Amino acid sequence: MATVSLATITSNSTCSYHGHSINLHVGLSHDSCLLFDPAEVSLVRQSVTGLVGTNGSGKTSLAKTIASKDIPNFPKSLSIQYISSHENYAFDEEQHATLKPQEFMALKVQEKLVSLQEQIENLEQQLEGENADVDVEAIANELAELYDRQEELDVSSEREIQLTIERMGFSKFLEKPVSQLSSGWRYKCRLVAAFTSCPDILIIDEPSFLDAESTEWLIDKTKETAIKGSSMVLVISHKEKLLDALCDRI
C-alpha cells in the first residue's frame, strides 16, 4: 500500500499541554507550498471542537499532523486515534490483519490503558523530584483523575464492547477478520474501538458510511466519549447540521 507523505511542519510550530487542554501553534507546507501560516488550535477535555474549511485548505493535513505527534513539545504519552474513511487500509497491516472485531476493539482499550499508565508514571516522577516549581496540588488532582479513568476503563470496557457490538450489528461478523469486512464495517469498527477506549485525543475526519440511525449513535457516543471519557475531540465535516449537533465550539 502506497503511503501519502504528511505535510511539513513549519519551524515556528509548537504546542503546550496543560492536562485539561492542549494548545497548538501550527503552520504547514506541502511540496514547498505553504498551506497556512501558523494557526492557533486548542483542544479541551470534555469538549467537542469542530473544524470547517474549504476543500484543499489543509484540514486533513492538520488532523494527520496532530495524530502524528510530530509537533514540537507534543506529549508523546497521550493516546490519539484518527478516524477517516480513507484510512481503512490500516487493517491490512500485518499486526492487524487477522484480528476479529472484538479483538481489535480490545487492543485499542489495552493501548489506552498503557497510555494512562505512562502518564501516571510521568506525574509520579514529577512529585518525587526536587523541582521547587512543581505544583504539587495540581499534579495530585491530575493523578487522582487518571487513576479513576484507568480503573473505570479497565472495569467497564469489556461490557461496553459487548453492548455496542449488539447495537451496531457486529454479531454476525465476530468470527471474521476485520481486514475482510467491507469499508463501511471497517469504519464502524474503528469508531466503536475509539468510543470504547476513550483516547486522550479523538479526531473524526468527515464522518462516513452512516445512515440516520448510525448518525444518531455517532452524535451520542462522541459526546459521551468527550464528557465521560474526558477526551479532547476534533470533528472535521462540511455538514453544518452535524457540526451543530456534535460540537461545543467550532
Protein backbone atom coordinates (compact mmCIF):
# COMPACT_ATOMS: atom_id res chain seq x y z
CA MET A 1 0.00 0.00 0.00
CA ALA A 2 1.49 3.33 -1.04
CA THR A 3 1.78 5.92 1.69
CA VAL A 4 0.98 9.60 1.36
CA SER A 5 3.56 11.95 2.84
CA LEU A 6 2.46 14.27 5.61
CA ALA A 7 2.62 18.00 5.19
CA THR A 8 5.78 19.60 6.56
CA ILE A 9 5.52 21.40 9.90
CA THR A 10 6.91 24.93 9.77
CA SER A 11 9.86 25.71 12.04
CA ASN A 12 7.92 28.08 14.32
CA SER A 13 5.28 25.48 15.20
CA THR A 14 4.92 24.33 18.80
CA CYS A 15 2.39 23.22 21.39
CA SER A 16 1.76 23.28 25.12
CA TYR A 17 -0.15 20.73 27.19
CA HIS A 18 -1.86 21.63 30.47
CA GLY A 19 -3.58 18.36 31.43
CA HIS A 20 -7.07 19.69 30.68
CA SER A 21 -6.20 21.09 27.24
CA ILE A 22 -3.59 21.21 24.51
CA ASN A 23 -2.79 24.43 22.64
CA LEU A 24 -1.29 24.07 19.18
CA HIS A 25 0.54 26.72 17.18
CA VAL A 26 0.95 25.02 13.81
CA GLY A 27 1.90 26.05 10.30
CA LEU A 28 2.06 23.57 7.41
CA SER A 29 3.55 23.40 3.94
CA HIS A 30 3.44 20.69 1.29
CA ASP A 31 5.78 20.28 -1.67
CA SER A 32 7.28 23.70 -0.88
CA CYS A 33 3.84 25.34 -0.96
CA LEU A 34 2.59 27.00 2.24
CA LEU A 35 -0.78 25.55 3.23
CA PHE A 36 -1.26 28.08 6.01
CA ASP A 37 0.73 30.27 8.36
CA PRO A 38 0.87 29.14 11.99
CA ALA A 39 -2.68 28.89 13.28
CA GLU A 40 -3.85 28.56 16.87
CA VAL A 41 -5.85 25.42 17.64
CA SER A 42 -6.97 24.47 21.14
CA LEU A 43 -8.45 21.12 22.11
CA VAL A 44 -10.12 20.85 25.52
CA ARG A 45 -11.01 17.78 27.56
CA GLN A 46 -14.72 17.01 27.79
CA SER A 47 -15.34 19.18 24.73
CA VAL A 48 -16.03 18.53 21.03
CA THR A 49 -14.35 21.00 18.68
CA GLY A 50 -15.48 21.37 15.06
CA LEU A 51 -13.15 22.25 12.19
CA VAL A 52 -14.50 23.60 8.90
CA GLY A 53 -12.87 25.00 5.79
CA THR A 54 -12.87 24.86 2.02
CA ASN A 55 -11.54 21.81 0.19
CA GLY A 56 -7.77 21.92 -0.03
CA SER A 57 -7.38 24.33 2.88
CA GLY A 58 -5.35 21.84 4.92
CA LYS A 59 -7.93 20.46 7.39
CA THR A 60 -6.95 16.83 6.90
CA SER A 61 -3.25 17.69 6.79
CA LEU A 62 -3.61 19.44 10.14
CA ALA A 63 -5.53 16.50 11.62
CA LYS A 64 -2.91 13.99 10.47
CA THR A 65 -0.13 16.21 11.79
CA ILE A 66 -1.76 16.26 15.23
CA ALA A 67 -2.19 12.48 15.09
CA SER A 68 1.48 12.03 14.19
CA LYS A 69 2.59 13.72 17.47
CA ASP A 70 5.43 15.33 15.48
CA ILE A 71 4.68 18.90 16.58
CA PRO A 72 7.48 20.19 18.83
CA ASN A 73 6.75 19.71 22.56
CA PHE A 74 3.81 17.40 21.84
CA PRO A 75 3.43 14.96 24.78
CA LYS A 76 4.17 11.50 23.38
CA SER A 77 2.32 9.70 26.17
CA LEU A 78 -1.09 10.99 25.02
CA SER A 79 -3.20 8.42 23.18
CA ILE A 80 -4.62 9.54 19.82
CA GLN A 81 -7.00 7.91 17.37
CA TYR A 82 -7.55 9.39 13.93
CA ILE A 83 -10.69 8.09 12.21
CA SER A 84 -11.16 8.63 8.48
CA SER A 85 -12.86 6.60 5.76
CA HIS A 86 -9.62 6.96 3.78
CA GLU A 87 -7.54 5.27 6.50
CA ASN A 88 -9.21 1.84 6.45
CA TYR A 89 -6.11 0.25 4.90
CA ALA A 90 -4.70 0.23 8.45
CA PHE A 91 -6.37 -3.17 8.86
CA ASP A 92 -4.20 -4.55 6.06
CA GLU A 93 -1.10 -4.13 8.20
CA GLU A 94 0.35 -7.43 9.35
CA GLN A 95 -0.22 -6.72 13.03
CA HIS A 96 -3.97 -6.17 12.46
CA ALA A 97 -4.64 -8.46 9.50
CA THR A 98 -6.08 -11.40 11.45
CA LEU A 99 -7.80 -9.52 14.27
CA LYS A 100 -11.53 -10.03 14.64
CA PRO A 101 -13.74 -7.03 15.55
CA GLN A 102 -13.83 -7.74 19.28
CA GLU A 103 -10.07 -8.36 19.36
CA PHE A 104 -9.32 -5.08 17.59
CA MET A 105 -11.57 -3.15 19.98
CA ALA A 106 -9.91 -4.81 22.99
CA LEU A 107 -6.47 -3.96 21.55
CA LYS A 108 -7.34 -0.25 21.44
CA VAL A 109 -8.53 -0.41 25.05
CA GLN A 110 -5.23 -2.00 26.05
CA GLU A 111 -3.28 0.70 24.20
CA LYS A 112 -5.20 3.36 26.13
CA LEU A 113 -4.51 1.63 29.44
CA VAL A 114 -0.79 1.64 28.60
CA SER A 115 -1.00 5.35 27.75
CA LEU A 116 -2.73 6.11 31.06
CA GLN A 117 -0.05 4.20 32.97
CA GLU A 118 2.70 6.16 31.21
CA GLN A 119 1.01 9.45 32.12
CA ILE A 120 0.63 8.32 35.73
CA GLU A 121 4.30 7.35 35.96
CA ASN A 122 5.38 10.69 34.45
CA LEU A 123 3.39 12.62 37.06
CA GLU A 124 4.61 10.42 39.91
CA GLN A 125 8.19 11.12 38.84
CA GLN A 126 7.47 14.84 38.97
CA LEU A 127 6.20 14.51 42.53
CA GLU A 128 9.27 12.53 43.55
CA GLY A 129 11.64 15.07 42.02
CA GLU A 130 13.17 18.06 43.73
CA ASN A 131 11.83 20.76 41.43
CA ALA A 132 10.52 23.54 43.65
CA ASP A 133 8.37 24.91 40.82
CA VAL A 134 6.18 21.79 40.70
CA ASP A 135 2.53 22.46 41.58
CA VAL A 136 2.00 19.53 43.93
CA GLU A 137 -1.74 20.08 44.35
CA ALA A 138 -2.38 20.29 40.60
CA ILE A 139 -0.36 17.12 39.93
CA ALA A 140 -2.10 15.27 42.76
CA ASN A 141 -5.51 16.23 41.34
CA GLU A 142 -4.48 15.14 37.83
CA LEU A 143 -3.16 11.85 39.20
CA ALA A 144 -6.44 11.17 41.01
CA GLU A 145 -8.34 11.74 37.77
CA LEU A 146 -6.00 9.43 35.84
CA TYR A 147 -6.38 6.68 38.48
CA ASP A 148 -10.17 6.96 38.22
CA ARG A 149 -10.15 6.83 34.41
CA GLN A 150 -7.79 3.86 34.42
CA GLU A 151 -9.98 1.90 36.84
CA GLU A 152 -13.21 2.78 35.03
CA LEU A 153 -11.84 1.75 31.63
CA ASP A 154 -10.41 -1.49 32.97
CA VAL A 155 -13.68 -2.44 34.64
CA SER A 156 -16.25 -1.33 32.05
CA SER A 157 -14.61 -1.77 28.64
CA GLU A 158 -15.48 -5.43 28.08
CA ARG A 159 -19.17 -4.86 28.82
CA GLU A 160 -19.21 -1.67 26.71
CA ILE A 161 -17.71 -3.52 23.73
CA GLN A 162 -20.32 -6.28 24.01
CA LEU A 163 -23.24 -3.83 24.22
CA THR A 164 -22.02 -1.84 21.22
CA ILE A 165 -21.41 -4.97 19.16
CA GLU A 166 -25.03 -5.97 19.70
CA ARG A 167 -26.41 -2.49 18.99
CA MET A 168 -24.39 -1.93 15.80
CA GLY A 169 -24.98 -5.40 14.34
CA PHE A 170 -21.42 -6.70 14.61
CA SER A 171 -22.61 -10.05 15.99
CA LYS A 172 -22.74 -11.60 12.51
CA PHE A 173 -19.10 -10.65 11.86
CA LEU A 174 -17.48 -11.73 15.13
CA GLU A 175 -15.58 -14.64 13.58
CA LYS A 176 -14.41 -12.71 10.52
CA PRO A 177 -11.13 -10.73 10.46
CA VAL A 178 -11.77 -7.01 10.25
CA SER A 179 -9.45 -6.84 7.22
CA GLN A 180 -12.05 -8.88 5.30
CA LEU A 181 -15.02 -6.66 6.15
CA SER A 182 -16.44 -4.01 3.84
CA SER A 183 -15.14 -0.44 4.07
CA GLY A 184 -18.28 0.61 5.94
CA TRP A 185 -17.95 -2.06 8.61
CA ARG A 186 -14.23 -1.42 8.98
CA TYR A 187 -15.02 2.22 9.59
CA LYS A 188 -17.67 1.41 12.19
CA CYS A 189 -15.25 -0.98 13.90
CA ARG A 190 -12.71 1.83 14.29
CA LEU A 191 -15.40 4.15 15.68
CA VAL A 192 -16.51 1.55 18.22
CA ALA A 193 -12.89 0.95 19.27
CA ALA A 194 -12.34 4.69 19.72
CA PHE A 195 -15.55 5.26 21.68
CA THR A 196 -14.79 2.30 23.95
CA SER A 197 -11.15 3.18 24.64
CA CYS A 198 -11.69 6.96 25.02
CA PRO A 199 -8.35 8.20 23.66
CA ASP A 200 -6.93 11.45 25.02
CA ILE A 201 -7.44 12.95 21.57
CA LEU A 202 -10.05 11.63 19.13
CA ILE A 203 -10.11 13.04 15.60
CA ILE A 204 -13.03 12.15 13.31
CA ASP A 205 -12.34 13.34 9.77
CA GLU A 206 -15.54 13.63 7.67
CA PRO A 207 -17.84 11.02 9.28
CA SER A 208 -18.88 8.50 6.61
CA PHE A 209 -20.75 5.22 6.00
CA LEU A 210 -23.51 6.18 8.45
CA ASP A 211 -27.28 6.03 7.95
CA ALA A 212 -29.67 8.13 10.02
CA GLU A 213 -29.70 5.71 12.96
CA SER A 214 -25.92 5.32 12.94
CA THR A 215 -25.52 9.11 12.76
CA GLU A 216 -27.58 9.49 15.94
CA TRP A 217 -25.36 6.85 17.55
CA LEU A 218 -22.27 8.78 16.40
CA ILE A 219 -23.55 12.01 17.95
CA ASP A 220 -24.44 10.33 21.26
CA LYS A 221 -21.18 8.37 21.56
CA THR A 222 -18.96 11.28 20.52
CA LYS A 223 -20.44 13.48 23.25
CA GLU A 224 -20.25 10.64 25.77
CA THR A 225 -16.60 9.98 24.90
CA ALA A 226 -15.77 13.64 25.42
CA ILE A 227 -17.66 14.05 28.69
CA LYS A 228 -17.41 10.67 30.43
CA GLY A 229 -14.14 9.63 28.82
CA SER A 230 -12.54 13.06 29.33
CA SER A 231 -11.36 13.07 25.71
CA MET A 232 -10.41 16.04 23.57
CA VAL A 233 -12.45 15.56 20.38
CA LEU A 234 -11.92 17.20 17.00
CA VAL A 235 -14.53 16.67 14.26
CA ILE A 236 -13.93 17.73 10.66
CA SER A 237 -17.03 17.99 8.50
CA HIS A 238 -18.66 20.14 5.85
CA LYS A 239 -22.12 19.18 7.17
CA GLU A 240 -23.37 22.16 9.15
CA LYS A 241 -26.24 20.32 10.86
CA LEU A 242 -23.94 17.54 12.03
CA LEU A 243 -21.43 20.00 13.48
CA ASP A 244 -24.20 21.93 15.22
CA ALA A 245 -25.44 18.69 16.82
CA LEU A 246 -21.96 17.46 17.78
CA CYS A 247 -19.80 20.40 18.72
CA ASP A 248 -19.42 22.70 21.69
CA ARG A 249 -17.16 25.02 19.71
CA ILE A 250 -16.33 25.50 16.00
